Protein backbone atom coordinates (compact mmCIF):
# COMPACT_ATOMS: atom_id res chain seq x y z
CA MET A 1 8.12 -14.67 1.68
CA GLY A 2 5.93 -17.35 0.19
CA TYR A 3 4.10 -16.61 -3.03
CA ALA A 4 1.10 -18.89 -2.52
CA ASN A 5 -1.24 -15.98 -1.90
CA GLY A 6 0.75 -13.15 -3.42
CA VAL A 7 2.23 -12.20 -6.73
CA ARG A 8 5.67 -13.29 -7.90
CA ALA A 9 5.86 -10.65 -10.64
CA GLY A 10 3.51 -8.71 -12.87
CA HIS A 11 -0.22 -8.53 -12.21
CA ALA A 12 -1.89 -8.94 -8.80
CA ALA A 13 -5.55 -9.77 -8.39
CA ALA A 14 -8.02 -7.02 -7.47
CA HIS A 15 -8.76 -8.71 -4.13
CA LEU A 16 -5.19 -7.78 -3.14
CA ARG A 17 -5.04 -4.30 -4.69
CA ASP A 18 -8.47 -2.96 -3.78
CA PRO A 19 -8.11 -3.17 0.04
CA MET A 20 -4.81 -1.30 -0.19
CA ASN A 21 -6.41 1.43 -2.30
CA ALA A 22 -9.38 1.77 0.05
CA ALA A 23 -7.22 1.90 3.19
CA LEU A 24 -4.99 4.65 1.83
CA GLU A 25 -7.85 6.71 0.47
CA ASP A 26 -9.81 6.37 3.74
CA ALA A 27 -6.75 7.40 5.76
CA ALA A 28 -6.13 10.42 3.52
CA TYR A 29 -9.73 11.60 3.82
CA SER A 30 -9.88 11.08 7.58
CA HIS A 31 -6.74 13.24 8.08
CA GLY A 32 -4.77 11.43 10.71
CA ARG A 33 -6.00 7.87 10.82
CA GLU A 34 -3.17 5.43 10.27
CA TRP A 35 -3.60 3.62 6.93
CA TRP A 36 -2.85 0.21 8.43
CA THR A 37 -5.73 0.30 10.94
CA ALA A 38 -8.02 -1.06 8.20
CA TRP A 39 -6.43 -4.46 8.97
CA GLY A 40 -6.47 -4.06 12.75
CA SER A 41 -2.75 -4.58 13.24
CA ARG A 42 0.56 -3.69 11.71
CA GLU A 43 1.28 -7.39 11.20
CA SER A 44 -1.86 -7.89 9.09
CA ALA A 45 -0.98 -4.81 7.03
CA ARG A 46 2.59 -6.09 6.62
CA GLU A 47 1.19 -9.35 5.23
CA LEU A 48 -0.83 -7.52 2.56
CA VAL A 49 2.15 -5.32 1.67
CA GLY A 50 4.21 -8.48 1.21
CA LYS A 51 1.65 -9.93 -1.19
CA LEU A 52 1.99 -6.88 -3.44
CA TRP A 53 5.77 -6.63 -3.14
CA HIS A 54 6.47 -7.64 -6.77
CA CYS A 55 3.32 -6.28 -8.42
CA THR A 56 4.09 -4.08 -11.41
CA ASP A 57 0.50 -2.89 -11.87
CA VAL A 58 0.11 0.89 -11.98
CA VAL A 59 -1.47 2.42 -8.88
CA PRO A 60 -4.61 4.47 -9.67
CA ARG A 61 -4.24 8.24 -9.48
CA SER A 62 -6.57 8.59 -6.50
CA THR A 63 -4.52 6.08 -4.53
CA ARG A 64 -1.20 7.70 -5.55
CA GLN A 65 -2.50 11.04 -4.31
CA ALA A 66 -3.77 9.51 -1.07
CA ALA A 67 -0.47 7.68 -0.51
CA SER A 68 1.45 10.89 -1.13
CA GLU A 69 -0.61 12.66 1.52
CA VAL A 70 -0.52 9.82 4.05
CA LEU A 71 3.21 9.14 3.61
CA GLY A 72 4.26 12.75 3.18
CA LEU A 73 5.67 12.34 -0.33
CA ASN A 74 6.28 15.27 -2.65
CA ASP A 75 5.86 13.24 -5.83
CA GLU A 76 2.84 10.97 -6.30
CA TRP A 77 4.78 9.01 -8.94
CA ALA A 78 7.15 7.82 -6.21
CA VAL A 79 4.48 5.16 -5.75
CA GLY A 80 3.63 4.55 -9.40
CA THR A 81 3.44 0.75 -9.09
CA TYR A 82 2.22 -1.45 -6.28
CA ALA A 83 5.79 -2.72 -5.85
CA GLN A 84 6.98 0.86 -5.19
CA LEU A 85 4.00 1.53 -2.95
CA SER A 86 4.61 -1.67 -0.97
CA ARG A 87 8.18 -0.65 -0.23
CA ARG A 88 7.08 2.79 1.00
CA LEU A 89 4.33 1.28 3.14
CA ARG A 90 6.67 -1.28 4.69
CA ALA A 91 9.11 1.49 5.58
CA ASP A 92 6.22 3.40 7.15
CA LEU A 93 5.22 0.33 9.19
CA GLN A 94 8.79 -0.17 10.34
CA SER A 95 9.15 3.48 11.35
CA GLY A 96 6.51 2.94 14.04
CA ARG A 97 5.09 6.41 13.57
């Protein structure tokens, strides 16, 4: 993965984090819509996930709760950082569900 538009470690810009938060929260509230449809394709979603792969920023509570619902997690802190969330989302994309 190239780092030109992503984060190598530490903090990621809001223009990368905010779309992820919105997509997960929208999917949770719509009960059934796939989170990645906000980008139109799995490949576009995979690209965003890759840009947040090393981000150690803490995921906001509302997004953690939404991700837990969308991904079927029992513990919202399983996605406490964007790096953790990115790994869960990539696994979800690869599952093809």
